[in-house]
């Protein structure tokens, strides 16, 4: 695993140990960012199931000015911090150990809103529709924001979730990527 493009291009990333995380491959990461970017002129990203931090770090490398990383696994949080540090992105990142629902509640209390939300939950724990509903209902996504949901190819997500509309859907082997924006 490495950073595919931007200021940290080519930088190797550590993977979280164990079987609880499934890092997004470089090929899929590149495809995702070609759809949603490929580069950004500032903005704030949320990597809600951080894992190794690869998606959020890629967003920072490609121009996001800040990213918040969340993962409930202590080892994953440790690896995210190490990867952020080795890419010299510490000043642009916040890392929290929390589950997705509690993290969203905390972000609502802070009045946060994001330009990019990266959702790559464990495939066995698909809660994408309910998470997107919360993002929409509490306006955690900015008006021109994008939600990227990575999921198993056999998971069928709806065309719309609240005011969010699926703009794009791509499949890469057993992995699917769905991109949502406001109508």
C-alpha atoms as a PDB file:
ATOM      1  CA  UNK A   1       0.000   0.000   0.000  1.00  0.00           C
ATOM      2  CA  UNK A   2       1.178   3.462  -0.873  1.00  0.00           C
ATOM      3  CA  UNK A   3      -0.079   6.986  -1.502  1.00  0.00           C
ATOM      4  CA  UNK A   4      -1.059   7.014  -5.190  1.00  0.00           C
ATOM      5  CA  UNK A   5      -0.811  10.725  -6.048  1.00  0.00           C
ATOM      6  CA  UNK A   6      -0.279  14.247  -4.750  1.00  0.00           C
ATOM      7  CA  UNK A   7       2.228  15.666  -2.284  1.00  0.00           C
ATOM      8  CA  UNK A   8       2.854  12.284  -0.609  1.00  0.00           C
ATOM      9  CA  UNK A   9       2.909  10.269  -3.872  1.00  0.00           C
ATOM     10  CA  UNK A  10       4.701   6.937  -3.558  1.00  0.00           C
ATOM     11  CA  UNK A  11       4.882   7.078   0.238  1.00  0.00           C
ATOM     12  CA  UNK A  12       4.440   3.561   1.682  1.00  0.00           C
ATOM     13  CA  UNK A  13       1.624   3.003   4.183  1.00  0.00           C
ATOM     14  CA  UNK A  14       1.480   0.405   6.953  1.00  0.00           C
ATOM     15  CA  UNK A  15      -1.571  -1.832   7.108  1.00  0.00           C
ATOM     16  CA  UNK A  16      -3.478  -2.366  10.335  1.00  0.00           C
ATOM     17  CA  UNK A  17      -2.607  -5.800  11.784  1.00  0.00           C
ATOM     18  CA  UNK A  18      -5.102  -8.660  11.941  1.00  0.00           C
ATOM     19  CA  UNK A  19      -8.139  -9.579   9.909  1.00  0.00           C
ATOM     20  CA  UNK A  20     -10.457  -6.789  11.098  1.00  0.00           C
ATOM     21  CA  UNK A  21      -9.424  -4.298   8.402  1.00  0.00           C
ATOM     22  CA  UNK A  22      -9.388  -4.707   4.643  1.00  0.00           C
ATOM     23  CA  UNK A  23      -7.269  -1.972   3.055  1.00  0.00           C
ATOM     24  CA  UNK A  24      -8.461  -0.467  -0.203  1.00  0.00           C
ATOM     25  CA  UNK A  25      -6.046  -1.543  -2.929  1.00  0.00           C
ATOM     26  CA  UNK A  26      -3.990   1.111  -4.701  1.00  0.00           C
ATOM     27  CA  UNK A  27      -5.825   0.321  -7.954  1.00  0.00           C
ATOM     28  CA  UNK A  28      -9.268   0.897  -6.417  1.00  0.00           C
ATOM     29  CA  UNK A  29      -8.019   3.960  -4.501  1.00  0.00           C
ATOM     30  CA  UNK A  30      -6.767   5.472  -7.756  1.00  0.00           C
ATOM     31  CA  UNK A  31     -10.107   4.718  -9.460  1.00  0.00           C
ATOM     32  CA  UNK A  32     -12.055   6.293  -6.565  1.00  0.00           C
ATOM     33  CA  UNK A  33     -10.046   9.504  -6.652  1.00  0.00           C
ATOM     34  CA  UNK A  34     -10.243   9.727 -10.444  1.00  0.00           C
ATOM     35  CA  UNK A  35     -14.041   9.757  -9.996  1.00  0.00           C
ATOM     36  CA  UNK A  36     -14.270  12.188  -7.066  1.00  0.00           C
ATOM     37  CA  UNK A  37     -11.204  14.391  -7.686  1.00  0.00           C
ATOM     38  CA  UNK A  38      -8.686  13.707  -8.773  1.00  0.00           C
ATOM     39  CA  UNK A  39      -7.380  16.723  -6.812  1.00  0.00           C
ATOM     40  CA  UNK A  40      -8.932  19.107  -4.321  1.00  0.00           C
ATOM     41  CA  UNK A  41      -8.565  22.808  -3.647  1.00  0.00           C
ATOM     42  CA  UNK A  42      -8.842  22.646   0.137  1.00  0.00           C
ATOM     43  CA  UNK A  43     -11.741  21.263   2.110  1.00  0.00           C
ATOM     44  CA  UNK A  44     -12.350  18.908   5.016  1.00  0.00           C
ATOM     45  CA  UNK A  45     -12.612  15.115   4.716  1.00  0.00           C
ATOM     46  CA  UNK A  46     -14.035  12.485   7.061  1.00  0.00           C
ATOM     47  CA  UNK A  47     -12.590   8.955   6.889  1.00  0.00           C
ATOM     48  CA  UNK A  48     -15.171   7.220   9.085  1.00  0.00           C
ATOM     49  CA  UNK A  49     -13.772   3.672   9.017  1.00  0.00           C
ATOM     50  CA  UNK A  50     -10.126   4.690   8.914  1.00  0.00           C
ATOM     51  CA  UNK A  51      -8.444   1.275   8.950  1.00  0.00           C
ATOM     52  CA  UNK A  52      -4.899   2.221   7.957  1.00  0.00           C
ATOM     53  CA  UNK A  53      -5.919   5.784   7.030  1.00  0.00           C
ATOM     54  CA  UNK A  54      -5.155   5.201   3.343  1.00  0.00           C
ATOM     55  CA  UNK A  55      -8.237   6.924   1.918  1.00  0.00           C
ATOM     56  CA  UNK A  56      -8.061  10.000   4.164  1.00  0.00           C
ATOM     57  CA  UNK A  57      -4.297  10.328   3.643  1.00  0.00           C
ATOM     58  CA  UNK A  58      -4.850  10.102  -0.120  1.00  0.00           C
ATOM     59  CA  UNK A  59      -7.410  12.941   0.162  1.00  0.00           C
ATOM     60  CA  UNK A  60      -4.896  15.072   2.113  1.00  0.00           C
ATOM     61  CA  UNK A  61      -2.137  14.283  -0.365  1.00  0.00           C
ATOM     62  CA  UNK A  62      -4.448  15.412  -3.181  1.00  0.00           C
ATOM     63  CA  UNK A  63      -5.280  18.786  -1.638  1.00  0.00           C
ATOM     64  CA  UNK A  64      -7.801  18.448   1.211  1.00  0.00           C
ATOM     65  CA  UNK A  65      -6.623  20.783   3.958  1.00  0.00           C
ATOM     66  CA  UNK A  66      -7.886  18.711   6.875  1.00  0.00           C
ATOM     67  CA  UNK A  67      -9.097  15.171   7.562  1.00  0.00           C
ATOM     68  CA  UNK A  68     -10.741  13.516  10.533  1.00  0.00           C
ATOM     69  CA  UNK A  69     -10.048   9.794  10.896  1.00  0.00           C
ATOM     70  CA  UNK A  70     -12.238   7.491  12.989  1.00  0.00           C
ATOM     71  CA  UNK A  71     -11.841   3.808  13.738  1.00  0.00           C
ATOM     72  CA  UNK A  72     -13.067   1.746  16.670  1.00  0.00           C
ATOM     73  CA  UNK A  73     -10.049  -0.590  16.672  1.00  0.00           C
ATOM     74  CA  UNK A  74      -7.132   0.560  18.864  1.00  0.00           C
ATOM     75  CA  UNK A  75      -4.502  -1.050  16.617  1.00  0.00           C
ATOM     76  CA  UNK A  76      -6.000   0.594  13.531  1.00  0.00           C
ATOM     77  CA  UNK A  77      -5.946   3.997  15.267  1.00  0.00           C
ATOM     78  CA  UNK A  78      -2.279   3.447  16.133  1.00  0.00           C
ATOM     79  CA  UNK A  79      -1.441   2.594  12.497  1.00  0.00           C
ATOM     80  CA  UNK A  80      -3.414   5.622  11.221  1.00  0.00           C
ATOM     81  CA  UNK A  81      -1.351   7.867  13.527  1.00  0.00           C
ATOM     82  CA  UNK A  82       1.914   6.259  12.350  1.00  0.00           C
ATOM     83  CA  UNK A  83       0.961   6.662   8.685  1.00  0.00           C
ATOM     84  CA  UNK A  84      -0.091  10.304   9.173  1.00  0.00           C
ATOM     85  CA  UNK A  85       3.173  11.006  10.995  1.00  0.00           C
ATOM     86  CA  UNK A  86       5.351   9.310   8.372  1.00  0.00           C
ATOM     87  CA  UNK A  87       3.587  11.347   5.642  1.00  0.00           C
ATOM     88  CA  UNK A  88       4.143  14.523   7.705  1.00  0.00           C
ATOM     89  CA  UNK A  89       0.415  15.310   7.787  1.00  0.00           C
ATOM     90  CA  UNK A  90      -0.022  15.475  11.589  1.00  0.00           C
ATOM     91  CA  UNK A  91      -1.020  19.163  11.591  1.00  0.00           C
ATOM     92  CA  UNK A  92      -3.827  18.434   9.104  1.00  0.00           C
ATOM     93  CA  UNK A  93      -5.309  15.404  10.830  1.00  0.00           C
ATOM     94  CA  UNK A  94      -7.431  14.472  13.836  1.00  0.00           C
ATOM     95  CA  UNK A  95      -7.655  10.798  14.814  1.00  0.00           C
ATOM     96  CA  UNK A  96     -10.304   9.328  17.117  1.00  0.00           C
ATOM     97  CA  UNK A  97     -11.020   5.874  18.458  1.00  0.00           C
ATOM     98  CA  UNK A  98     -14.780   5.562  18.326  1.00  0.00           C
ATOM     99  CA  UNK A  99     -17.525   3.677  16.539  1.00  0.00           C
ATOM    100  CA  UNK A 100     -19.168   5.341  13.551  1.00  0.00           C
ATOM    101  CA  UNK A 101     -22.498   6.235  15.219  1.00  0.00           C
ATOM    102  CA  UNK A 102     -20.911   7.845  18.289  1.00  0.00           C
ATOM    103  CA  UNK A 103     -18.362   9.640  16.131  1.00  0.00           C
ATOM    104  CA  UNK A 104     -21.135  11.174  14.018  1.00  0.00           C
ATOM    105  CA  UNK A 105     -22.959  12.326  17.175  1.00  0.00           C
ATOM    106  CA  UNK A 106     -19.751  14.014  18.377  1.00  0.00           C
ATOM    107  CA  UNK A 107     -19.249  15.688  14.978  1.00  0.00           C
ATOM    108  CA  UNK A 108     -22.868  16.926  15.017  1.00  0.00           C
ATOM    109  CA  UNK A 109     -22.240  18.529  18.439  1.00  0.00           C
ATOM    110  CA  UNK A 110     -19.130  20.230  17.029  1.00  0.00           C
ATOM    111  CA  UNK A 111     -21.175  21.623  14.124  1.00  0.00           C
ATOM    112  CA  UNK A 112     -18.879  19.992  11.574  1.00  0.00           C
ATOM    113  CA  UNK A 113     -19.624  19.727   7.851  1.00  0.00           C
ATOM    114  CA  UNK A 114     -17.498  17.892   5.294  1.00  0.00           C
ATOM    115  CA  UNK A 115     -16.575  18.305   1.641  1.00  0.00           C
ATOM    116  CA  UNK A 116     -15.746  14.612   1.361  1.00  0.00           C
ATOM    117  CA  UNK A 117     -16.958  11.655   3.418  1.00  0.00           C
ATOM    118  CA  UNK A 118     -15.202   8.320   2.914  1.00  0.00           C
ATOM    119  CA  UNK A 119     -17.240   5.298   4.022  1.00  0.00           C
ATOM    120  CA  UNK A 120     -15.457   1.964   3.811  1.00  0.00           C
ATOM    121  CA  UNK A 121     -16.954  -0.138   6.615  1.00  0.00           C
ATOM    122  CA  UNK A 122     -16.200  -3.819   7.150  1.00  0.00           C
ATOM    123  CA  UNK A 123     -18.269  -5.613   4.510  1.00  0.00           C
ATOM    124  CA  UNK A 124     -20.004  -7.702   7.184  1.00  0.00           C
ATOM    125  CA  UNK A 125     -21.223  -4.590   9.009  1.00  0.00           C
ATOM    126  CA  UNK A 126     -22.996  -2.730   6.240  1.00  0.00           C
ATOM    127  CA  UNK A 127     -24.750   0.265   7.735  1.00  0.00           C
ATOM    128  CA  UNK A 128     -24.154   2.588   4.822  1.00  0.00           C
ATOM    129  CA  UNK A 129     -27.771   3.672   4.293  1.00  0.00           C
ATOM    130  CA  UNK A 130     -28.297   4.590   7.963  1.00  0.00           C
ATOM    131  CA  UNK A 131     -24.959   6.439   8.077  1.00  0.00           C
ATOM    132  CA  UNK A 132     -25.783   8.400   4.923  1.00  0.00           C
ATOM    133  CA  UNK A 133     -29.209   9.210   6.382  1.00  0.00           C
ATOM    134  CA  UNK A 134     -27.529  10.714   9.460  1.00  0.00           C
ATOM    135  CA  UNK A 135     -25.034  12.622   7.288  1.00  0.00           C
ATOM    136  CA  UNK A 136     -27.956  14.072   5.303  1.00  0.00           C
ATOM    137  CA  UNK A 137     -30.345  14.695   8.201  1.00  0.00           C
ATOM    138  CA  UNK A 138     -27.787  16.559  10.335  1.00  0.00           C
ATOM    139  CA  UNK A 139     -26.166  18.345   7.378  1.00  0.00           C
ATOM    140  CA  UNK A 140     -22.725  16.844   7.988  1.00  0.00           C
ATOM    141  CA  UNK A 141     -22.128  17.017   4.244  1.00  0.00           C
ATOM    142  CA  UNK A 142     -21.586  20.437   2.691  1.00  0.00           C
ATOM    143  CA  UNK A 143     -23.861  21.466  -0.169  1.00  0.00           C
ATOM    144  CA  UNK A 144     -21.328  20.483  -2.866  1.00  0.00           C
ATOM    145  CA  UNK A 145     -19.925  17.598  -0.828  1.00  0.00           C
ATOM    146  CA  UNK A 146     -19.350  14.028  -1.935  1.00  0.00           C
ATOM    147  CA  UNK A 147     -19.871  10.720  -0.141  1.00  0.00           C
ATOM    148  CA  UNK A 148     -17.825   7.758  -1.342  1.00  0.00           C
ATOM    149  CA  UNK A 149     -19.183   4.407  -0.158  1.00  0.00           C
ATOM    150  CA  UNK A 150     -17.084   1.300  -0.734  1.00  0.00           C
ATOM    151  CA  UNK A 151     -18.989  -1.948  -0.341  1.00  0.00           C
ATOM    152  CA  UNK A 152     -19.239  -5.558  -1.455  1.00  0.00           C
ATOM    153  CA  UNK A 153     -20.440  -5.921  -5.018  1.00  0.00           C
ATOM    154  CA  UNK A 154     -23.498  -7.902  -3.852  1.00  0.00           C
ATOM    155  CA  UNK A 155     -24.687  -5.038  -1.625  1.00  0.00           C
ATOM    156  CA  UNK A 156     -27.276  -3.009  -3.524  1.00  0.00           C
ATOM    157  CA  UNK A 157     -27.542   0.580  -2.342  1.00  0.00           C
ATOM    158  CA  UNK A 158     -30.574   2.729  -3.203  1.00  0.00           C
ATOM    159  CA  UNK A 159     -30.496   5.439  -5.886  1.00  0.00           C
ATOM    160  CA  UNK A 160     -31.406   8.031  -3.240  1.00  0.00           C
ATOM    161  CA  UNK A 161     -30.941   8.338   0.513  1.00  0.00           C
ATOM    162  CA  UNK A 162     -32.838  11.362   1.819  1.00  0.00           C
ATOM    163  CA  UNK A 163     -31.666  14.273  -0.351  1.00  0.00           C
ATOM    164  CA  UNK A 164     -28.584  12.338  -1.503  1.00  0.00           C
ATOM    165  CA  UNK A 165     -28.535  10.905  -4.995  1.00  0.00           C
ATOM    166  CA  UNK A 166     -26.198   8.233  -6.310  1.00  0.00           C
ATOM    167  CA  UNK A 167     -24.166   9.895  -9.052  1.00  0.00           C
ATOM    168  CA  UNK A 168     -21.928   6.988  -9.973  1.00  0.00           C
ATOM    169  CA  UNK A 169     -21.549   3.272  -9.306  1.00  0.00           C
ATOM    170  CA  UNK A 170     -18.501   1.256 -10.366  1.00  0.00           C
ATOM    171  CA  UNK A 171     -17.489  -2.341  -9.732  1.00  0.00           C
ATOM    172  CA  UNK A 172     -13.945  -3.680  -9.369  1.00  0.00           C
ATOM    173  CA  UNK A 173     -13.987  -7.449  -8.872  1.00  0.00           C
ATOM    174  CA  UNK A 174     -15.701  -8.118  -5.509  1.00  0.00           C
ATOM    175  CA  UNK A 175     -15.614  -4.411  -4.555  1.00  0.00           C
ATOM    176  CA  UNK A 176     -18.136  -1.759  -5.554  1.00  0.00           C
ATOM    177  CA  UNK A 177     -17.903   1.997  -5.173  1.00  0.00           C
ATOM    178  CA  UNK A 178     -20.978   4.238  -4.998  1.00  0.00           C
ATOM    179  CA  UNK A 179     -20.683   8.035  -5.104  1.00  0.00           C
ATOM    180  CA  UNK A 180     -23.455  10.183  -3.599  1.00  0.00           C
ATOM    181  CA  UNK A 181     -24.076  13.932  -3.797  1.00  0.00           C
ATOM    182  CA  UNK A 182     -27.000  16.228  -3.112  1.00  0.00           C
ATOM    183  CA  UNK A 183     -29.528  16.406  -5.957  1.00  0.00           C
END
